[in-house]
Amino acid sequence: MQSAKASAPGGHDEHAGVVGDDGLQRRDREILAFERQWWKYAGAKEQAIRELFDMSATRYYQVLNALIDTPAALAADPMLVKRLRRLRASRQRQRSARRLGFEV
């Protein structure tokens, strides 16, 4: 019998690294789906990341940031990817402004 983690989105299985017709790996599609609907999960987002993807929040955000820079992710869900890119750029501007002593 398969474990619950193996059948959960982001669980480890033999198809996780297989690239689909859209140019994305299964895990990449699951990450995009999670970002579309993470607010539906009870509790903290970081806890849901650990449970669904079996990775730390830091690693998840590293993977997500690399993913949203890919043309395949943009083609798969343009509105979501553009929104995530805008949020990332906004956070980067705020960090830069704080380092330089400005308010944004």
C-alpha atoms as a PDB file:
ATOM      1  CA  MET A   1       0.000   0.000   0.000  1.00  0.00           C
ATOM      2  CA  GLN A   2       1.205   3.486  -0.854  1.00  0.00           C
ATOM      3  CA  SER A   3       1.836   5.961   1.961  1.00  0.00           C
ATOM      4  CA  ALA A   4      -0.207   9.144   2.236  1.00  0.00           C
ATOM      5  CA  LYS A   5       2.881  11.287   1.622  1.00  0.00           C
ATOM      6  CA  ALA A   6       3.681   9.466  -1.627  1.00  0.00           C
ATOM      7  CA  SER A   7       0.211  10.114  -3.009  1.00  0.00           C
ATOM      8  CA  ALA A   8      -0.013  13.712  -1.789  1.00  0.00           C
ATOM      9  CA  PRO A   9       0.851  16.571  -4.147  1.00  0.00           C
ATOM     10  CA  GLY A  10       4.604  16.923  -4.131  1.00  0.00           C
ATOM     11  CA  GLY A  11       5.080  13.467  -2.666  1.00  0.00           C
ATOM     12  CA  HIS A  12       7.951  11.428  -3.977  1.00  0.00           C
ATOM     13  CA  ASP A  13       7.161   9.080  -6.810  1.00  0.00           C
ATOM     14  CA  GLU A  14       8.738   7.773  -9.959  1.00  0.00           C
ATOM     15  CA  HIS A  15       7.031  10.402 -12.153  1.00  0.00           C
ATOM     16  CA  ALA A  16       8.162  13.507 -10.233  1.00  0.00           C
ATOM     17  CA  GLY A  17      11.050  14.260 -12.621  1.00  0.00           C
ATOM     18  CA  VAL A  18       9.172  13.491 -15.836  1.00  0.00           C
ATOM     19  CA  VAL A  19       8.696  16.537 -18.044  1.00  0.00           C
ATOM     20  CA  GLY A  20       5.159  16.857 -19.396  1.00  0.00           C
ATOM     21  CA  ASP A  21       3.927  18.247 -22.698  1.00  0.00           C
ATOM     22  CA  ASP A  22       3.914  21.733 -21.172  1.00  0.00           C
ATOM     23  CA  GLY A  23       7.663  21.557 -20.439  1.00  0.00           C
ATOM     24  CA  LEU A  24       7.149  21.390 -16.673  1.00  0.00           C
ATOM     25  CA  GLN A  25       7.984  18.619 -14.257  1.00  0.00           C
ATOM     26  CA  ARG A  26       5.161  17.275 -12.116  1.00  0.00           C
ATOM     27  CA  ARG A  27       6.563  18.968  -9.012  1.00  0.00           C
ATOM     28  CA  ASP A  28       6.670  22.294 -10.873  1.00  0.00           C
ATOM     29  CA  ARG A  29       2.996  21.982 -11.836  1.00  0.00           C
ATOM     30  CA  GLU A  30       2.132  21.083  -8.242  1.00  0.00           C
ATOM     31  CA  ILE A  31       4.030  24.124  -6.933  1.00  0.00           C
ATOM     32  CA  LEU A  32       2.147  26.418  -9.305  1.00  0.00           C
ATOM     33  CA  ALA A  33      -1.151  24.839  -8.259  1.00  0.00           C
ATOM     34  CA  PHE A  34      -0.218  25.305  -4.598  1.00  0.00           C
ATOM     35  CA  GLU A  35       0.649  28.973  -5.153  1.00  0.00           C
ATOM     36  CA  ARG A  36      -2.750  29.475  -6.785  1.00  0.00           C
ATOM     37  CA  GLN A  37      -4.583  27.991  -3.795  1.00  0.00           C
ATOM     38  CA  TRP A  38      -2.304  27.935  -0.737  1.00  0.00           C
ATOM     39  CA  TRP A  39      -4.655  30.174   1.259  1.00  0.00           C
ATOM     40  CA  LYS A  40      -7.170  27.295   1.296  1.00  0.00           C
ATOM     41  CA  TYR A  41      -4.865  25.219   3.504  1.00  0.00           C
ATOM     42  CA  ALA A  42      -5.440  25.462   7.234  1.00  0.00           C
ATOM     43  CA  GLY A  43      -2.489  26.701   9.254  1.00  0.00           C
ATOM     44  CA  ALA A  44       0.715  28.324   8.173  1.00  0.00           C
ATOM     45  CA  LYS A  45       1.887  28.217   4.582  1.00  0.00           C
ATOM     46  CA  GLU A  46       5.309  26.967   5.715  1.00  0.00           C
ATOM     47  CA  GLN A  47       3.733  23.948   7.423  1.00  0.00           C
ATOM     48  CA  ALA A  48       1.752  23.107   4.291  1.00  0.00           C
ATOM     49  CA  ILE A  49       4.963  23.365   2.248  1.00  0.00           C
ATOM     50  CA  ARG A  50       6.700  20.884   4.547  1.00  0.00           C
ATOM     51  CA  GLU A  51       3.778  18.466   4.436  1.00  0.00           C
ATOM     52  CA  LEU A  52       3.072  18.647   0.699  1.00  0.00           C
ATOM     53  CA  PHE A  53       6.540  19.026  -0.770  1.00  0.00           C
ATOM     54  CA  ASP A  54       8.791  17.554   1.930  1.00  0.00           C
ATOM     55  CA  MET A  55      11.161  20.517   1.805  1.00  0.00           C
ATOM     56  CA  SER A  56      11.956  23.517   3.937  1.00  0.00           C
ATOM     57  CA  ALA A  57      10.259  26.816   3.220  1.00  0.00           C
ATOM     58  CA  THR A  58      13.636  28.281   2.231  1.00  0.00           C
ATOM     59  CA  ARG A  59      14.230  25.564  -0.348  1.00  0.00           C
ATOM     60  CA  TYR A  60      10.650  25.855  -1.605  1.00  0.00           C
ATOM     61  CA  TYR A  61      11.061  29.575  -2.272  1.00  0.00           C
ATOM     62  CA  GLN A  62      14.376  28.931  -4.048  1.00  0.00           C
ATOM     63  CA  VAL A  63      12.631  26.404  -6.299  1.00  0.00           C
ATOM     64  CA  LEU A  64       9.640  28.717  -6.805  1.00  0.00           C
ATOM     65  CA  ASN A  65      11.817  31.692  -7.752  1.00  0.00           C
ATOM     66  CA  ALA A  66      13.711  29.617 -10.315  1.00  0.00           C
ATOM     67  CA  LEU A  67      10.435  28.190 -11.618  1.00  0.00           C
ATOM     68  CA  ILE A  68       8.742  31.552 -12.225  1.00  0.00           C
ATOM     69  CA  ASP A  69      11.703  32.615 -14.358  1.00  0.00           C
ATOM     70  CA  THR A  70      11.099  29.785 -16.837  1.00  0.00           C
ATOM     71  CA  PRO A  71       9.214  30.257 -20.100  1.00  0.00           C
ATOM     72  CA  ALA A  72       7.348  26.980 -19.456  1.00  0.00           C
ATOM     73  CA  ALA A  73       5.878  28.288 -16.185  1.00  0.00           C
ATOM     74  CA  LEU A  74       4.886  31.549 -17.860  1.00  0.00           C
ATOM     75  CA  ALA A  75       3.161  29.628 -20.648  1.00  0.00           C
ATOM     76  CA  ALA A  76       1.423  27.285 -18.182  1.00  0.00           C
ATOM     77  CA  ASP A  77      -0.077  30.028 -15.979  1.00  0.00           C
ATOM     78  CA  PRO A  78       0.764  33.550 -17.198  1.00  0.00           C
ATOM     79  CA  MET A  79      -1.382  35.467 -14.696  1.00  0.00           C
ATOM     80  CA  LEU A  80      -0.012  33.618 -11.671  1.00  0.00           C
ATOM     81  CA  VAL A  81       3.610  33.812 -12.813  1.00  0.00           C
ATOM     82  CA  LYS A  82       3.347  37.526 -13.601  1.00  0.00           C
ATOM     83  CA  ARG A  83       1.756  38.179 -10.195  1.00  0.00           C
ATOM     84  CA  LEU A  84       4.507  36.218  -8.416  1.00  0.00           C
ATOM     85  CA  ARG A  85       7.182  38.082 -10.399  1.00  0.00           C
ATOM     86  CA  ARG A  86       5.604  41.450  -9.451  1.00  0.00           C
ATOM     87  CA  LEU A  87       5.508  40.464  -5.766  1.00  0.00           C
ATOM     88  CA  ARG A  88       9.138  39.349  -5.897  1.00  0.00           C
ATOM     89  CA  ALA A  89      10.222  42.583  -7.594  1.00  0.00           C
ATOM     90  CA  SER A  90       8.319  44.637  -5.020  1.00  0.00           C
ATOM     91  CA  ARG A  91      10.003  42.806  -2.131  1.00  0.00           C
ATOM     92  CA  GLN A  92      13.409  43.288  -3.776  1.00  0.00           C
ATOM     93  CA  ARG A  93      12.781  47.043  -4.153  1.00  0.00           C
ATOM     94  CA  GLN A  94      11.727  47.293  -0.505  1.00  0.00           C
ATOM     95  CA  ARG A  95      14.850  45.451   0.671  1.00  0.00           C
ATOM     96  CA  SER A  96      17.094  47.643  -1.468  1.00  0.00           C
ATOM     97  CA  ALA A  97      15.410  50.804  -0.211  1.00  0.00           C
ATOM     98  CA  ARG A  98      15.810  49.711   3.417  1.00  0.00           C
ATOM     99  CA  ARG A  99      19.518  49.038   2.863  1.00  0.00           C
ATOM    100  CA  LEU A 100      19.933  52.501   1.384  1.00  0.00           C
ATOM    101  CA  GLY A 101      17.799  54.162   4.054  1.00  0.00           C
ATOM    102  CA  PHE A 102      14.872  55.098   1.794  1.00  0.00           C
ATOM    103  CA  GLU A 103      11.148  54.566   2.178  1.00  0.00           C
ATOM    104  CA  VAL A 104       9.290  53.013  -0.755  1.00  0.00           C
END
